[in-house]
Protein backbone atom coordinates (compact mmCIF):
# COMPACT_ATOMS: atom_id res chain seq x y z
CA MET A 1 -28.70 -18.13 -47.32
CA LYS A 2 -27.37 -19.73 -44.17
CA LEU A 3 -23.76 -20.52 -44.18
CA PHE A 4 -22.01 -23.49 -42.85
CA ILE A 5 -20.53 -23.15 -39.34
CA LEU A 6 -16.91 -24.16 -39.08
CA LEU A 7 -16.48 -27.12 -36.80
CA LEU A 8 -12.98 -28.13 -36.16
CA PHE A 9 -12.38 -31.26 -33.89
CA GLY A 10 -9.43 -32.43 -32.02
CA ILE A 11 -7.34 -29.24 -32.39
CA VAL A 12 -3.79 -29.85 -31.48
CA ALA A 13 -2.25 -26.56 -31.91
CA ALA A 14 -3.32 -23.26 -33.50
CA CYS A 15 -1.22 -20.33 -34.84
CA SER A 16 -1.10 -17.65 -37.48
CA ASP A 17 1.45 -15.84 -39.77
CA GLY A 18 1.57 -18.95 -41.84
CA LYS A 19 2.78 -21.15 -39.02
CA GLN A 20 2.00 -24.86 -38.81
CA VAL A 21 -1.12 -26.18 -37.29
CA GLN A 22 -2.32 -29.67 -36.66
CA THR A 23 -6.03 -30.38 -36.41
CA ARG A 24 -8.39 -33.19 -37.10
CA ILE A 25 -11.26 -32.91 -39.63
CA GLY A 26 -13.63 -35.61 -39.09
CA SER A 27 -11.49 -38.73 -38.55
CA THR A 28 -8.60 -37.74 -40.81
CA GLU A 29 -5.72 -35.95 -39.22
CA LYS A 30 -4.26 -33.24 -41.50
CA ILE A 31 -1.03 -30.94 -41.22
CA TYR A 32 -1.44 -27.74 -42.95
CA LYS A 33 -0.76 -23.91 -42.75
CA LYS A 34 -3.01 -21.25 -41.60
CA ALA A 35 -2.81 -17.39 -42.51
CA SER A 36 -4.84 -14.78 -40.80
CA PHE A 37 -6.10 -11.25 -41.37
CA LEU A 38 -4.63 -10.03 -38.06
CA PRO A 39 -1.93 -11.44 -35.84
CA GLU A 40 -3.08 -13.72 -33.08
CA ASN A 41 -4.60 -11.56 -30.42
CA ASN A 42 -6.79 -11.53 -27.25
CA TYR A 43 -9.07 -8.62 -28.48
CA ALA A 44 -12.06 -10.87 -27.81
CA GLN A 45 -11.23 -10.54 -24.10
CA THR A 46 -9.99 -6.94 -24.07
CA LYS A 47 -12.31 -5.24 -26.42
CA ARG A 48 -16.12 -5.26 -26.16
CA TYR A 49 -17.44 -4.75 -29.70
CA TYR A 50 -19.76 -7.49 -30.17
CA ALA A 51 -23.07 -5.56 -30.63
CA ALA A 52 -21.73 -2.08 -31.47
CA GLY A 53 -21.13 -1.87 -35.14
CA SER A 54 -23.28 -1.22 -38.17
CA MET A 55 -22.94 -4.66 -39.68
CA THR A 56 -25.88 -7.10 -39.35
CA GLU A 57 -25.92 -10.88 -39.39
CA GLN A 58 -27.57 -10.61 -42.78
CA ASP A 59 -24.87 -8.46 -44.14
CA PHE A 60 -22.25 -10.88 -42.72
CA GLU A 61 -23.85 -13.85 -44.51
CA ASP A 62 -24.57 -11.88 -47.70
CA VAL A 63 -20.85 -11.09 -48.12
CA LEU A 64 -19.66 -14.57 -47.50
CA GLU A 65 -22.40 -16.03 -49.75
CA ALA A 66 -21.19 -13.66 -52.66
CA ILE A 67 -17.58 -14.80 -52.02
CA ARG A 68 -18.72 -18.45 -52.27
CA ILE A 69 -20.78 -17.95 -55.47
CA ILE A 70 -17.94 -15.83 -57.19
CA TYR A 71 -15.07 -18.08 -56.21
CA GLU A 72 -16.31 -21.64 -56.23
CA PRO A 73 -15.66 -22.00 -60.03
CA ILE A 74 -12.25 -20.11 -59.78
CA PHE A 75 -11.03 -22.41 -57.09
CA ASN A 76 -12.44 -25.42 -59.00
CA ASN A 77 -10.33 -24.38 -61.97
CA HIS A 78 -7.25 -24.86 -59.72
CA ASP A 79 -8.50 -28.32 -58.77
CA ALA A 80 -9.40 -27.13 -55.24
CA THR A 81 -12.69 -27.01 -53.14
CA LEU A 82 -13.59 -23.80 -51.58
CA ASN A 83 -15.18 -24.02 -48.22
CA VAL A 84 -16.51 -20.75 -46.75
CA TYR A 85 -17.15 -20.78 -43.06
CA GLY A 86 -18.85 -18.05 -40.98
CA ASP A 87 -19.85 -17.82 -37.32
CA TRP A 88 -21.45 -14.65 -36.52
CA TYR A 89 -21.74 -15.63 -32.77
CA ASP A 90 -18.02 -16.36 -32.35
CA ASN A 91 -16.11 -13.22 -30.84
CA THR A 92 -12.75 -14.18 -32.54
CA VAL A 93 -11.42 -10.85 -33.83
CA ASN A 94 -9.83 -12.38 -36.86
CA ALA A 95 -10.17 -14.32 -40.18
CA TYR A 96 -8.31 -17.11 -41.49
CA ALA A 97 -7.26 -19.01 -44.67
CA GLU A 98 -6.24 -22.62 -44.57
CA GLN A 99 -5.28 -25.48 -46.97
CA ALA A 100 -5.86 -29.11 -46.20
CA GLY A 101 -5.12 -30.95 -49.46
CA THR A 102 -7.46 -29.79 -52.06
CA ASN A 103 -9.84 -28.31 -49.55
CA TRP A 104 -9.05 -24.54 -49.50
CA ASN A 105 -10.88 -22.99 -46.59
CA VAL A 106 -11.80 -19.34 -45.38
CA SER A 107 -13.18 -18.76 -42.02
CA PHE A 108 -14.72 -15.54 -40.55
CA PHE A 109 -16.17 -14.48 -37.21
CA GLY A 110 -18.47 -12.05 -35.67
CA GLY A 111 -15.84 -10.56 -33.42
CA LEU A 112 -14.10 -8.80 -36.32
CA ALA A 113 -17.21 -8.10 -38.15
CA LYS A 114 -19.13 -6.36 -35.35
CA HIS A 115 -16.26 -3.82 -34.74
CA PRO A 116 -17.96 -0.43 -34.62
CA TYR A 117 -15.95 0.96 -37.49
CA MET A 118 -16.64 -2.13 -39.83
CA THR A 119 -18.80 -1.47 -42.81
CA ARG A 120 -20.17 -4.09 -45.13
CA GLU A 121 -17.69 -2.95 -47.92
CA GLY A 122 -14.86 -3.10 -45.43
CA PHE A 123 -15.72 -6.63 -44.43
CA ALA A 124 -16.03 -7.65 -47.96
CA LEU A 125 -12.16 -6.67 -48.29
CA VAL A 126 -11.43 -8.94 -45.21
CA ALA A 127 -13.07 -11.69 -47.16
CA CYS A 128 -11.14 -10.82 -50.25
CA HIS A 129 -7.86 -10.82 -48.28
CA GLU A 130 -8.44 -14.38 -47.16
CA ILE A 131 -9.32 -15.51 -50.71
CA GLY A 132 -6.10 -13.64 -51.62
CA HIS A 133 -4.03 -15.82 -49.31
CA HIS A 134 -4.92 -18.76 -51.63
CA ILE A 135 -4.78 -17.29 -55.19
CA ALA A 136 -2.90 -13.95 -55.10
CA GLY A 137 0.46 -15.78 -55.37
CA PHE A 138 3.86 -14.20 -55.26
CA PRO A 139 5.07 -12.89 -53.04
CA PHE A 140 4.37 -15.82 -50.79
CA TYR A 141 5.17 -16.39 -47.18
CA VAL A 142 8.69 -17.73 -47.37
CA GLY A 143 8.53 -21.52 -48.21
CA GLN A 144 4.65 -21.69 -47.83
CA TRP A 145 1.58 -21.98 -50.01
CA ALA A 146 -0.03 -18.54 -48.86
CA ALA A 147 0.41 -15.24 -50.45
CA ASN A 148 1.96 -12.95 -47.79
CA GLU A 149 -0.22 -10.31 -46.06
CA GLY A 150 0.80 -7.32 -48.18
CA ASN A 151 -0.07 -9.09 -51.43
CA SER A 152 -3.34 -10.47 -50.08
CA ASP A 153 -4.29 -6.90 -49.25
CA PHE A 154 -3.24 -5.87 -52.73
CA TYR A 155 -5.24 -8.60 -54.32
CA ALA A 156 -8.31 -7.60 -52.24
CA THR A 157 -8.69 -4.35 -54.23
CA ALA A 158 -6.81 -5.18 -57.41
CA GLY A 159 -8.56 -8.41 -58.01
CA CYS A 160 -11.40 -9.42 -55.69
CA ALA A 161 -12.96 -6.01 -55.44
CA LYS A 162 -13.45 -6.02 -59.24
CA LEU A 163 -15.69 -9.13 -58.82
CA ILE A 164 -17.54 -8.49 -55.67
CA PHE A 165 -18.23 -4.79 -56.24
CA ASP A 166 -19.15 -5.24 -59.83
CA GLU A 167 -22.52 -4.54 -61.06
CA SER A 168 -22.95 -8.18 -61.83
CA SER A 169 -21.96 -9.18 -58.28
CA PRO A 170 -24.57 -11.36 -56.39
CA ILE A 171 -25.00 -8.59 -53.75
CA THR A 172 -24.50 -5.41 -55.81
CA TYR A 173 -27.87 -4.04 -54.35
CA ARG A 174 -26.30 -4.09 -50.83
CA TRP A 175 -23.25 -1.71 -51.78
CA ASP A 176 -24.68 1.76 -50.75
CA LEU A 177 -21.55 3.53 -51.90
CA MET A 178 -22.34 2.76 -55.50
CA LYS A 179 -25.04 5.38 -55.29
CA LYS A 180 -22.77 8.10 -53.78
CA LYS A 181 -20.83 10.71 -55.67
CA PRO A 182 -17.12 10.44 -55.42
CA LYS A 183 -15.56 12.65 -52.75
CA PRO A 184 -12.65 15.07 -53.96
CA ASN A 185 -10.33 12.96 -51.74
CA PRO A 186 -9.47 10.09 -51.76
CA THR A 187 -11.43 8.95 -54.80
CA SER A 188 -10.80 11.84 -57.22
CA ASN A 189 -8.55 9.62 -59.35
CA CYS A 190 -11.08 6.69 -59.57
CA SER A 191 -12.67 6.45 -62.91
CA THR A 192 -14.99 3.73 -62.08
CA ALA A 193 -17.51 2.95 -59.34
CA VAL A 194 -15.74 -0.15 -58.39
CA CYS A 195 -12.61 1.87 -57.70
CA LYS A 196 -14.61 4.44 -55.58
CA VAL A 197 -16.20 1.59 -53.48
CA SER A 198 -12.88 -0.04 -53.04
CA MET A 199 -11.25 3.17 -51.89
CA GLU A 200 -14.00 3.88 -49.44
CA ALA A 201 -13.87 0.13 -48.12
CA GLY A 202 -10.10 0.23 -47.75
CA LEU A 203 -10.20 3.44 -45.69
CA SER A 204 -12.96 2.04 -43.37
CA LEU A 205 -11.06 -1.10 -42.91
CA GLY A 206 -7.83 0.89 -42.14
CA ASN A 207 -9.68 2.49 -39.43
CA VAL A 208 -10.66 -0.75 -37.85
CA LEU A 209 -7.02 -2.01 -38.01
CA ALA A 210 -5.67 1.38 -36.57
CA GLU A 211 -8.11 1.29 -33.75
CA LEU A 212 -7.37 -2.38 -32.85
CA ASN A 213 -3.72 -1.76 -32.87
CA GLY A 214 -3.57 1.69 -31.18
CA GLU A 215 -2.31 3.27 -34.36
CA GLN A 216 -2.80 6.79 -35.92
CA GLU A 217 -5.87 6.98 -38.13
CA PRO A 218 -4.78 6.33 -41.75
CA ARG A 219 -5.44 8.59 -44.68
CA TYR A 220 -4.69 8.29 -48.28
CA GLU A 221 -3.04 11.73 -48.24
CA THR A 222 -0.27 10.73 -45.73
CA PRO A 223 1.38 7.60 -47.23
CA ASP A 224 3.70 5.38 -45.12
CA ARG A 225 7.33 6.37 -46.01
CA THR A 226 8.87 3.30 -44.81
CA ARG A 227 11.06 1.50 -47.32
CA VAL A 228 11.86 -2.04 -46.45
CA LYS A 229 15.15 -3.66 -47.53
CA LYS A 230 13.65 -7.14 -47.66
CA THR A 231 9.99 -8.13 -48.52
CA SER A 232 8.06 -8.43 -45.29
CA ASP A 233 5.61 -11.25 -44.72
CA SER A 234 4.24 -9.74 -41.52
CA HIS A 235 0.99 -7.81 -41.12
CA PRO A 236 1.71 -4.20 -42.27
CA LYS A 237 0.63 -1.12 -40.11
CA ALA A 238 -2.64 0.34 -40.84
CA GLN A 239 -1.44 3.11 -42.98
CA CYS A 240 0.83 0.79 -45.11
CA ARG A 241 -2.24 -1.50 -45.59
CA VAL A 242 -4.41 1.54 -46.75
CA ASP A 243 -1.63 2.49 -49.10
CA THR A 244 -1.75 -0.99 -50.51
CA TYR A 245 -5.69 -0.84 -50.98
CA LYS A 246 -5.17 2.23 -52.81
CA LEU A 247 -2.57 0.95 -55.30
CA GLY A 248 -4.86 -2.09 -55.74
CA ALA A 249 -7.98 0.06 -56.45
CA TYR A 250 -6.00 2.25 -58.89
CA CYS A 251 -4.86 -1.01 -60.85
CA ALA A 252 -6.86 -0.74 -64.08
CA LYS A 253 -5.49 -4.14 -65.22
CA SER A 254 -7.72 -7.22 -64.90
CA TRP A 255 -6.53 -10.01 -62.67
CA ASP A 256 -5.87 -13.34 -64.50
CA HIS A 257 -7.67 -15.77 -62.35
CA ASP A 258 -6.59 -18.77 -64.34
CA ARG A 259 -3.12 -18.52 -63.01
CA ILE A 260 -1.39 -18.28 -59.50
CA PRO A 261 1.73 -16.20 -59.91
CA ARG A 262 4.82 -18.05 -58.87
CA SER A 263 7.44 -15.50 -59.50
CA VAL A 264 8.18 -11.73 -59.93
CA SER A 265 7.70 -12.13 -63.70
CA ASP A 266 4.47 -13.98 -63.22
CA MET A 267 3.26 -11.25 -60.72
CA ASN A 268 4.02 -8.50 -63.24
CA ALA A 269 2.30 -10.36 -66.08
CA ASN A 270 -0.76 -11.20 -63.89
CA SER A 271 -1.69 -7.62 -62.62
CA CYS A 272 -0.18 -4.29 -62.00
CA SER A 273 3.37 -4.61 -60.75
CA GLU A 274 3.63 -1.72 -58.26
CA ARG A 275 3.35 -2.59 -54.52
CA PRO A 276 4.09 -0.24 -51.58
CA ALA A 277 7.66 -0.06 -50.46
CA CYS A 278 6.48 -0.11 -46.87
CA TRP A 279 6.23 -3.99 -47.03
CA TYR A 280 7.62 -4.94 -50.58
CA ALA A 281 11.25 -4.69 -51.70
CA LYS A 282 11.78 -4.94 -55.61
């Protein structure tokens, strides 16, 4: 099914990492915040990936349509309207979550989806991450509506993956990894097919992040040993993000989508409480 293309008119300013942007939607000017999958970058100019990857335009649309079908009723339960925007032909190497009143938006572009290391499963986690900015909750960006980067990554595998990779998902037939036998590593501790797919997806997405940022290839067997003294809202390094995907995939507790955690106690009640120390400080 063809997705709507995001049209934003009268852009006054644009930024990421939860900074304020001002834009005009139709004839009504809004002030709201924007959170992104990657820091603002010029990869579209410096990296030429736009026809090199394994993802197709149909894959791109399938993932975003599944997100829309799954999350529209969840967002409605929070008195919000989910708007999913996708532009396969836009070379922006990023994805965004935005709120304008009760319109909760997620936006995706071909520049990231066409990266040569990107897989359908990895791109599904990108979509899950942006959904997570809206509903993963605490820890938030300081003073803002959006779940911070680390918690959006955790939600991608702890919450969203259990919906989009489930056998009842609208696009289950697309997930080839469901048919594969678990590898000795890193999926040996997975007891479900969803965990297995989540782990594979997280590693493939970690490879994308590492290549884009010039970092060492991440592995589940070599976790980031950094221990932050204060919870970081910034985009973690690729290894730290992969560690977060792993913890989320291993979380056997069902995510309570009827609530958005607002505190540490809410977070612990909502899902598994463990987060990697490379971005989260207890």
